[in-house]
């Protein structure tokens, strides 16, 4: 596997993990009170992990933050 293939795989996989974590956080927030947070977190993405940590969904929020960090680094590497 070449460097470009590795970076591209990291971009795709980290984005897939980020979207999945975001959707599970929004679904979790929809099941908790106040429910309006789910609608806002669906549109304003950085609020999802913040409210997720506060709502005791630490694993989901941690995966969101980690996959976002990997995605950002992979996108930076892909531009080179």
PDB file of N, CA and C in Angstrom:
ATOM      1  N   UNK A   1       0.851  -1.175   0.000  1.00  0.00           N
ATOM      2  CA  UNK A   1       0.000   0.000   0.000  1.00  0.00           C
ATOM      3  C   UNK A   1       0.894   1.234   0.000  1.00  0.00           C
ATOM      4  N   UNK A   2       0.583   2.141  -0.892  1.00  0.00           N
ATOM      5  CA  UNK A   2       1.369   3.356  -0.986  1.00  0.00           C
ATOM      6  C   UNK A   2       0.894   4.369   0.067  1.00  0.00           C
ATOM      7  N   UNK A   3       1.664   5.430   0.206  1.00  0.00           N
ATOM      8  CA  UNK A   3       1.297   6.479   1.165  1.00  0.00           C
ATOM      9  C   UNK A   3      -0.043   7.101   0.802  1.00  0.00           C
ATOM     10  N   UNK A   4      -0.246   7.359  -0.476  1.00  0.00           N
ATOM     11  CA  UNK A   4      -1.499   7.979  -0.905  1.00  0.00           C
ATOM     12  C   UNK A   4      -2.701   7.088  -0.606  1.00  0.00           C
ATOM     13  N   UNK A   5      -2.546   5.794  -0.816  1.00  0.00           N
ATOM     14  CA  UNK A   5      -3.644   4.874  -0.513  1.00  0.00           C
ATOM     15  C   UNK A   5      -3.932   4.834   0.981  1.00  0.00           C
ATOM     16  N   UNK A   6      -2.892   4.880   1.792  1.00  0.00           N
ATOM     17  CA  UNK A   6      -3.065   4.885   3.246  1.00  0.00           C
ATOM     18  C   UNK A   6      -3.756   6.137   3.744  1.00  0.00           C
ATOM     19  N   UNK A   7      -3.362   7.271   3.188  1.00  0.00           N
ATOM     20  CA  UNK A   7      -3.990   8.535   3.582  1.00  0.00           C
ATOM     21  C   UNK A   7      -5.445   8.562   3.134  1.00  0.00           C
ATOM     22  N   UNK A   8      -5.694   8.084   1.936  1.00  0.00           N
ATOM     23  CA  UNK A   8      -7.075   8.059   1.444  1.00  0.00           C
ATOM     24  C   UNK A   8      -7.936   7.119   2.288  1.00  0.00           C
ATOM     25  N   UNK A   9      -7.400   5.990   2.670  1.00  0.00           N
ATOM     26  CA  UNK A   9      -8.139   5.072   3.537  1.00  0.00           C
ATOM     27  C   UNK A   9      -8.425   5.719   4.890  1.00  0.00           C
ATOM     28  N   UNK A  10      -7.457   6.448   5.413  1.00  0.00           N
ATOM     29  CA  UNK A  10      -7.663   7.140   6.693  1.00  0.00           C
ATOM     30  C   UNK A  10      -8.738   8.207   6.570  1.00  0.00           C
ATOM     31  N   UNK A  11      -8.761   8.938   5.465  1.00  0.00           N
ATOM     32  CA  UNK A  11      -9.786   9.963   5.254  1.00  0.00           C
ATOM     33  C   UNK A  11     -11.168   9.324   5.214  1.00  0.00           C
ATOM     34  N   UNK A  12     -11.312   8.278   4.427  1.00  0.00           N
ATOM     35  CA  UNK A  12     -12.622   7.638   4.254  1.00  0.00           C
ATOM     36  C   UNK A  12     -13.091   6.998   5.552  1.00  0.00           C
ATOM     37  N   UNK A  13     -12.228   6.235   6.203  1.00  0.00           N
ATOM     38  CA  UNK A  13     -12.633   5.523   7.422  1.00  0.00           C
ATOM     39  C   UNK A  13     -12.902   6.476   8.581  1.00  0.00           C
ATOM     40  N   UNK A  14     -12.091   7.503   8.723  1.00  0.00           N
ATOM     41  CA  UNK A  14     -12.331   8.440   9.822  1.00  0.00           C
ATOM     42  C   UNK A  14     -13.600   9.259   9.590  1.00  0.00           C
ATOM     43  N   UNK A  15     -13.891   9.591   8.334  1.00  0.00           N
ATOM     44  CA  UNK A  15     -15.130  10.313   8.053  1.00  0.00           C
ATOM     45  C   UNK A  15     -16.340   9.423   8.311  1.00  0.00           C
ATOM     46  N   UNK A  16     -16.246   8.157   7.934  1.00  0.00           N
ATOM     47  CA  UNK A  16     -17.347   7.219   8.201  1.00  0.00           C
ATOM     48  C   UNK A  16     -17.577   7.061   9.701  1.00  0.00           C
ATOM     49  N   UNK A  17     -16.494   6.975  10.466  1.00  0.00           N
ATOM     50  CA  UNK A  17     -16.623   6.856  11.922  1.00  0.00           C
ATOM     51  C   UNK A  17     -17.201   8.142  12.519  1.00  0.00           C
ATOM     52  N   UNK A  18     -16.803   9.287  11.989  1.00  0.00           N
ATOM     53  CA  UNK A  18     -17.310  10.564  12.476  1.00  0.00           C
ATOM     54  C   UNK A  18     -18.812  10.703  12.222  1.00  0.00           C
ATOM     55  N   UNK A  19     -19.251  10.361  11.038  1.00  0.00           N
ATOM     56  CA  UNK A  19     -20.675  10.457  10.717  1.00  0.00           C
ATOM     57  C   UNK A  19     -21.479   9.480  11.570  1.00  0.00           C
ATOM     58  N   UNK A  20     -20.977   8.267  11.731  1.00  0.00           N
ATOM     59  CA  UNK A  20     -21.672   7.279  12.550  1.00  0.00           C
ATOM     60  C   UNK A  20     -21.759   7.729  14.000  1.00  0.00           C
ATOM     61  N   UNK A  21     -20.657   8.224  14.543  1.00  0.00           N
ATOM     62  CA  UNK A  21     -20.666   8.704  15.927  1.00  0.00           C
ATOM     63  C   UNK A  21     -21.599   9.894  16.081  1.00  0.00           C
ATOM     64  N   UNK A  22     -21.627  10.773  15.096  1.00  0.00           N
ATOM     65  CA  UNK A  22     -22.503  11.938  15.169  1.00  0.00           C
ATOM     66  C   UNK A  22     -23.974  11.509  15.180  1.00  0.00           C
ATOM     67  N   UNK A  23     -24.315  10.574  14.313  1.00  0.00           N
ATOM     68  CA  UNK A  23     -25.705  10.112  14.263  1.00  0.00           C
ATOM     69  C   UNK A  23     -26.109   9.399  15.548  1.00  0.00           C
ATOM     70  N   UNK A  24     -25.209   8.614  16.133  1.00  0.00           N
ATOM     71  CA  UNK A  24     -25.558   7.941  17.387  1.00  0.00           C
ATOM     72  C   UNK A  24     -25.677   8.942  18.536  1.00  0.00           C
ATOM     73  N   UNK A  25     -24.861   9.975  18.515  1.00  0.00           N
ATOM     74  CA  UNK A  25     -24.992  11.020  19.531  1.00  0.00           C
ATOM     75  C   UNK A  25     -26.307  11.774  19.394  1.00  0.00           C
ATOM     76  N   UNK A  26     -26.673  12.103  18.179  1.00  0.00           N
ATOM     77  CA  UNK A  26     -27.938  12.807  17.966  1.00  0.00           C
ATOM     78  C   UNK A  26     -29.108  11.923  18.390  1.00  0.00           C
ATOM     79  N   UNK A  27     -29.041  10.639  18.060  1.00  0.00           N
ATOM     80  CA  UNK A  27     -30.109   9.722  18.481  1.00  0.00           C
ATOM     81  C   UNK A  27     -30.155   9.599  19.999  1.00  0.00           C
ATOM     82  N   UNK A  28     -29.003   9.546  20.640  1.00  0.00           N
ATOM     83  CA  UNK A  28     -28.965   9.486  22.100  1.00  0.00           C
ATOM     84  C   UNK A  28     -29.503  10.745  22.739  1.00  0.00           C
ATOM     85  N   UNK A  29     -29.185  11.877  22.157  1.00  0.00           N
ATOM     86  CA  UNK A  29     -29.704  13.137  22.688  1.00  0.00           C
ATOM     87  C   UNK A  29     -31.216  13.242  22.482  1.00  0.00           C
ATOM     88  N   UNK A  30     -31.714  12.649  21.413  1.00  0.00           N
ATOM     89  CA  UNK A  30     -33.155  12.682  21.162  1.00  0.00           C
ATOM     90  C   UNK A  30     -33.921  11.877  22.210  1.00  0.00           C
ATOM     91  N   UNK A  31     -33.257  10.908  22.815  1.00  0.00           N
ATOM     92  CA  UNK A  31     -33.906  10.107  23.840  1.00  0.00           C
ATOM     93  C   UNK A  31     -33.806  10.681  25.240  1.00  0.00           C
ATOM     94  N   UNK A  32     -33.123  11.797  25.361  1.00  0.00           N
ATOM     95  CA  UNK A  32     -32.947  12.428  26.670  1.00  0.00           C
ATOM     96  C   UNK A  32     -33.594  13.816  26.667  1.00  0.00           C
ATOM     97  N   UNK A  33     -33.863  14.280  27.841  1.00  0.00           N
ATOM     98  CA  UNK A  33     -34.463  15.597  27.982  1.00  0.00           C
ATOM     99  C   UNK A  33     -33.356  16.638  28.145  1.00  0.00           C
ATOM    100  N   UNK A  34     -33.421  17.791  27.605  1.00  0.00           N
ATOM    101  CA  UNK A  34     -34.388  18.342  26.659  1.00  0.00           C
ATOM    102  C   UNK A  34     -34.112  17.845  25.241  1.00  0.00           C
ATOM    103  N   UNK A  35     -35.145  17.502  24.539  1.00  0.00           N
ATOM    104  CA  UNK A  35     -35.028  16.884  23.212  1.00  0.00           C
ATOM    105  C   UNK A  35     -34.586  17.862  22.127  1.00  0.00           C
ATOM    106  N   UNK A  36     -34.745  19.158  22.356  1.00  0.00           N
ATOM    107  CA  UNK A  36     -34.357  20.128  21.343  1.00  0.00           C
ATOM    108  C   UNK A  36     -32.858  20.098  21.079  1.00  0.00           C
ATOM    109  N   UNK A  37     -32.096  19.573  22.032  1.00  0.00           N
ATOM    110  CA  UNK A  37     -30.642  19.505  21.832  1.00  0.00           C
ATOM    111  C   UNK A  37     -30.281  18.622  20.650  1.00  0.00           C
ATOM    112  N   UNK A  38     -31.054  17.580  20.427  1.00  0.00           N
ATOM    113  CA  UNK A  38     -30.776  16.677  19.298  1.00  0.00           C
ATOM    114  C   UNK A  38     -30.901  17.421  17.971  1.00  0.00           C
ATOM    115  N   UNK A  39     -31.932  18.234  17.837  1.00  0.00           N
ATOM    116  CA  UNK A  39     -32.124  18.984  16.592  1.00  0.00           C
ATOM    117  C   UNK A  39     -31.002  19.996  16.381  1.00  0.00           C
ATOM    118  N   UNK A  40     -30.608  20.670  17.443  1.00  0.00           N
ATOM    119  CA  UNK A  40     -29.530  21.658  17.324  1.00  0.00           C
ATOM    120  C   UNK A  40     -28.203  20.968  17.049  1.00  0.00           C
ATOM    121  N   UNK A  41     -27.940  19.854  17.733  1.00  0.00           N
ATOM    122  CA  UNK A  41     -26.678  19.129  17.535  1.00  0.00           C
ATOM    123  C   UNK A  41     -26.591  18.520  16.143  1.00  0.00           C
ATOM    124  N   UNK A  42     -27.729  18.220  15.537  1.00  0.00           N
ATOM    125  CA  UNK A  42     -27.711  17.687  14.177  1.00  0.00           C
ATOM    126  C   UNK A  42     -27.218  18.729  13.185  1.00  0.00           C
ATOM    127  N   UNK A  43     -27.470  20.005  13.475  1.00  0.00           N
ATOM    128  CA  UNK A  43     -27.071  21.082  12.569  1.00  0.00           C
ATOM    129  C   UNK A  43     -25.726  21.680  12.968  1.00  0.00           C
ATOM    130  N   UNK A  44     -25.514  21.893  14.243  1.00  0.00           N
ATOM    131  CA  UNK A  44     -24.261  22.480  14.752  1.00  0.00           C
ATOM    132  C   UNK A  44     -23.435  21.321  15.332  1.00  0.00           C
ATOM    133  N   UNK A  45     -22.634  20.717  14.484  1.00  0.00           N
ATOM    134  CA  UNK A  45     -21.958  19.466  14.810  1.00  0.00           C
ATOM    135  C   UNK A  45     -21.119  19.493  16.096  1.00  0.00           C
ATOM    136  N   UNK A  46     -20.322  20.526  16.389  1.00  0.00           N
ATOM    137  CA  UNK A  46     -19.493  20.477  17.598  1.00  0.00           C
ATOM    138  C   UNK A  46     -20.279  20.421  18.906  1.00  0.00           C
ATOM    139  N   UNK A  47     -21.558  20.741  18.872  1.00  0.00           N
ATOM    140  CA  UNK A  47     -22.356  20.654  20.093  1.00  0.00           C
ATOM    141  C   UNK A  47     -22.694  19.211  20.455  1.00  0.00           C
ATOM    142  N   UNK A  48     -22.660  18.318  19.492  1.00  0.00           N
ATOM    143  CA  UNK A  48     -23.005  16.919  19.757  1.00  0.00           C
ATOM    144  C   UNK A  48     -22.068  16.279  20.789  1.00  0.00           C
ATOM    145  N   UNK A  49     -20.747  16.345  20.635  1.00  0.00           N
ATOM    146  CA  UNK A  49     -19.903  15.738  21.669  1.00  0.00           C
ATOM    147  C   UNK A  49     -19.950  16.495  22.993  1.00  0.00           C
ATOM    148  N   UNK A  50     -20.120  17.809  22.934  1.00  0.00           N
ATOM    149  CA  UNK A  50     -20.193  18.591  24.164  1.00  0.00           C
ATOM    150  C   UNK A  50     -21.388  18.146  24.999  1.00  0.00           C
ATOM    151  N   UNK A  51     -22.561  18.127  24.374  1.00  0.00           N
ATOM    152  CA  UNK A  51     -23.753  17.691  25.094  1.00  0.00           C
ATOM    153  C   UNK A  51     -23.721  16.196  25.369  1.00  0.00           C
ATOM    154  N   UNK A  52     -23.018  15.451  24.529  1.00  0.00           N
ATOM    155  CA  UNK A  52     -22.869  14.018  24.775  1.00  0.00           C
ATOM    156  C   UNK A  52     -22.084  13.741  26.053  1.00  0.00           C
ATOM    157  N   UNK A  53     -20.984  14.454  26.251  1.00  0.00           N
ATOM    158  CA  UNK A  53     -20.218  14.297  27.490  1.00  0.00           C
ATOM    159  C   UNK A  53     -21.059  14.690  28.703  1.00  0.00           C
ATOM    160  N   UNK A  54     -21.807  15.762  28.572  1.00  0.00           N
ATOM    161  CA  UNK A  54     -22.640  16.225  29.689  1.00  0.00           C
ATOM    162  C   UNK A  54     -23.804  15.281  29.980  1.00  0.00           C
ATOM    163  N   UNK A  55     -24.231  14.516  28.972  1.00  0.00           N
ATOM    164  CA  UNK A  55     -25.348  13.592  29.144  1.00  0.00           C
ATOM    165  C   UNK A  55     -24.882  12.162  29.424  1.00  0.00           C
ATOM    166  N   UNK A  56     -23.631  12.009  29.826  1.00  0.00           N
ATOM    167  CA  UNK A  56     -23.047  10.722  30.180  1.00  0.00           C
ATOM    168  C   UNK A  56     -22.992   9.744  29.001  1.00  0.00           C
ATOM    169  N   UNK A  57     -22.697  10.279  27.832  1.00  0.00           N
ATOM    170  CA  UNK A  57     -22.436   9.460  26.649  1.00  0.00           C
ATOM    171  C   UNK A  57     -20.971   9.648  26.259  1.00  0.00           C
ATOM    172  N   UNK A  58     -20.100   9.398  27.224  1.00  0.00           N
ATOM    173  CA  UNK A  58     -18.681   9.679  27.046  1.00  0.00           C
ATOM    174  C   UNK A  58     -18.015   8.878  25.956  1.00  0.00           C
ATOM    175  N   UNK A  59     -18.381   7.605  25.807  1.00  0.00           N
ATOM    176  CA  UNK A  59     -17.753   6.776  24.779  1.00  0.00           C
ATOM    177  C   UNK A  59     -18.100   7.287  23.388  1.00  0.00           C
ATOM    178  N   UNK A  60     -19.359   7.588  23.167  1.00  0.00           N
ATOM    179  CA  UNK A  60     -19.778   8.103  21.858  1.00  0.00           C
ATOM    180  C   UNK A  60     -19.113   9.448  21.567  1.00  0.00           C
ATOM    181  N   UNK A  61     -19.086  10.309  22.550  1.00  0.00           N
ATOM    182  CA  UNK A  61     -18.473  11.627  22.358  1.00  0.00           C
ATOM    183  C   UNK A  61     -16.966  11.494  22.143  1.00  0.00           C
ATOM    184  N   UNK A  62     -16.336  10.580  22.858  1.00  0.00           N
ATOM    185  CA  UNK A  62     -14.903  10.359  22.674  1.00  0.00           C
ATOM    186  C   UNK A  62     -14.577   9.842  21.284  1.00  0.00           C
ATOM    187  N   UNK A  63     -15.401   8.938  20.774  1.00  0.00           N
ATOM    188  CA  UNK A  63     -15.204   8.441  19.410  1.00  0.00           C
ATOM    189  C   UNK A  63     -15.401   9.573  18.408  1.00  0.00           C
ATOM    190  N   UNK A  64     -16.374  10.438  18.662  1.00  0.00           N
ATOM    191  CA  UNK A  64     -16.614  11.583  17.778  1.00  0.00           C
ATOM    192  C   UNK A  64     -15.376  12.477  17.728  1.00  0.00           C
ATOM    193  N   UNK A  65     -14.845  12.817  18.888  1.00  0.00           N
ATOM    194  CA  UNK A  65     -13.685  13.712  18.954  1.00  0.00           C
ATOM    195  C   UNK A  65     -12.458  13.058  18.313  1.00  0.00           C
ATOM    196  N   UNK A  66     -12.227  11.786  18.617  1.00  0.00           N
ATOM    197  CA  UNK A  66     -11.060  11.093  18.063  1.00  0.00           C
ATOM    198  C   UNK A  66     -11.155  10.961  16.548  1.00  0.00           C
ATOM    199  N   UNK A  67     -12.320  10.598  16.045  1.00  0.00           N
ATOM    200  CA  UNK A  67     -12.449  10.444  14.599  1.00  0.00           C
ATOM    201  C   UNK A  67     -12.367  11.802  13.897  1.00  0.00           C
ATOM    202  N   UNK A  68     -12.854  12.860  14.529  1.00  0.00           N
ATOM    203  CA  UNK A  68     -12.717  14.192  13.946  1.00  0.00           C
ATOM    204  C   UNK A  68     -11.249  14.599  13.886  1.00  0.00           C
ATOM    205  N   UNK A  69     -10.494  14.293  14.921  1.00  0.00           N
ATOM    206  CA  UNK A  69      -9.065  14.631  14.926  1.00  0.00           C
ATOM    207  C   UNK A  69      -8.316  13.855  13.847  1.00  0.00           C
ATOM    208  N   UNK A  70      -8.604  12.568  13.728  1.00  0.00           N
ATOM    209  CA  UNK A  70      -7.947  11.755  12.696  1.00  0.00           C
ATOM    210  C   UNK A  70      -8.329  12.260  11.308  1.00  0.00           C
ATOM    211  N   UNK A  71      -9.584  12.618  11.135  1.00  0.00           N
ATOM    212  CA  UNK A  71     -10.046  13.123   9.838  1.00  0.00           C
ATOM    213  C   UNK A  71      -9.329  14.422   9.471  1.00  0.00           C
ATOM    214  N   UNK A  72      -9.191  15.314  10.413  1.00  0.00           N
ATOM    215  CA  UNK A  72      -8.513  16.584  10.138  1.00  0.00           C
ATOM    216  C   UNK A  72      -7.053  16.353   9.760  1.00  0.00           C
ATOM    217  N   UNK A  73      -6.375  15.496  10.513  1.00  0.00           N
ATOM    218  CA  UNK A  73      -4.965  15.206  10.209  1.00  0.00           C
ATOM    219  C   UNK A  73      -4.840  14.530   8.849  1.00  0.00           C
ATOM    220  N   UNK A  74      -5.732  13.587   8.558  1.00  0.00           N
ATOM    221  CA  UNK A  74      -5.671  12.886   7.274  1.00  0.00           C
ATOM    222  C   UNK A  74      -5.944  13.834   6.114  1.00  0.00           C
ATOM    223  N   UNK A  75      -6.865  14.774   6.294  1.00  0.00           N
ATOM    224  CA  UNK A  75      -7.129  15.750   5.233  1.00  0.00           C
ATOM    225  C   UNK A  75      -5.923  16.655   5.010  1.00  0.00           C
ATOM    226  N   UNK A  76      -5.238  17.031   6.094  1.00  0.00           N
ATOM    227  CA  UNK A  76      -4.032  17.855   5.949  1.00  0.00           C
ATOM    228  C   UNK A  76      -2.970  17.084   5.197  1.00  0.00           C
ATOM    229  N   UNK A  77      -2.788  15.809   5.542  1.00  0.00           N
ATOM    230  CA  UNK A  77      -1.799  14.991   4.838  1.00  0.00           C
ATOM    231  C   UNK A  77      -2.177  14.759   3.382  1.00  0.00           C
ATOM    232  N   UNK A  78      -3.457  14.698   3.094  1.00  0.00           N
ATOM    233  CA  UNK A  78      -3.911  14.468   1.732  1.00  0.00           C
ATOM    234  C   UNK A  78      -3.637  15.672   0.833  1.00  0.00           C
ATOM    235  N   UNK A  79      -3.551  16.836   1.410  1.00  0.00           N
ATOM    236  CA  UNK A  79      -3.295  18.038   0.609  1.00  0.00           C
ATOM    237  C   UNK A  79      -1.851  18.151   0.170  1.00  0.00           C
ATOM    238  N   UNK A  80      -0.959  17.419   0.802  1.00  0.00           N
ATOM    239  CA  UNK A  80       0.469  17.514   0.473  1.00  0.00           C
ATOM    240  C   UNK A  80       0.833  16.698  -0.732  1.00  0.00           C
TER     241      UNK A  80
END
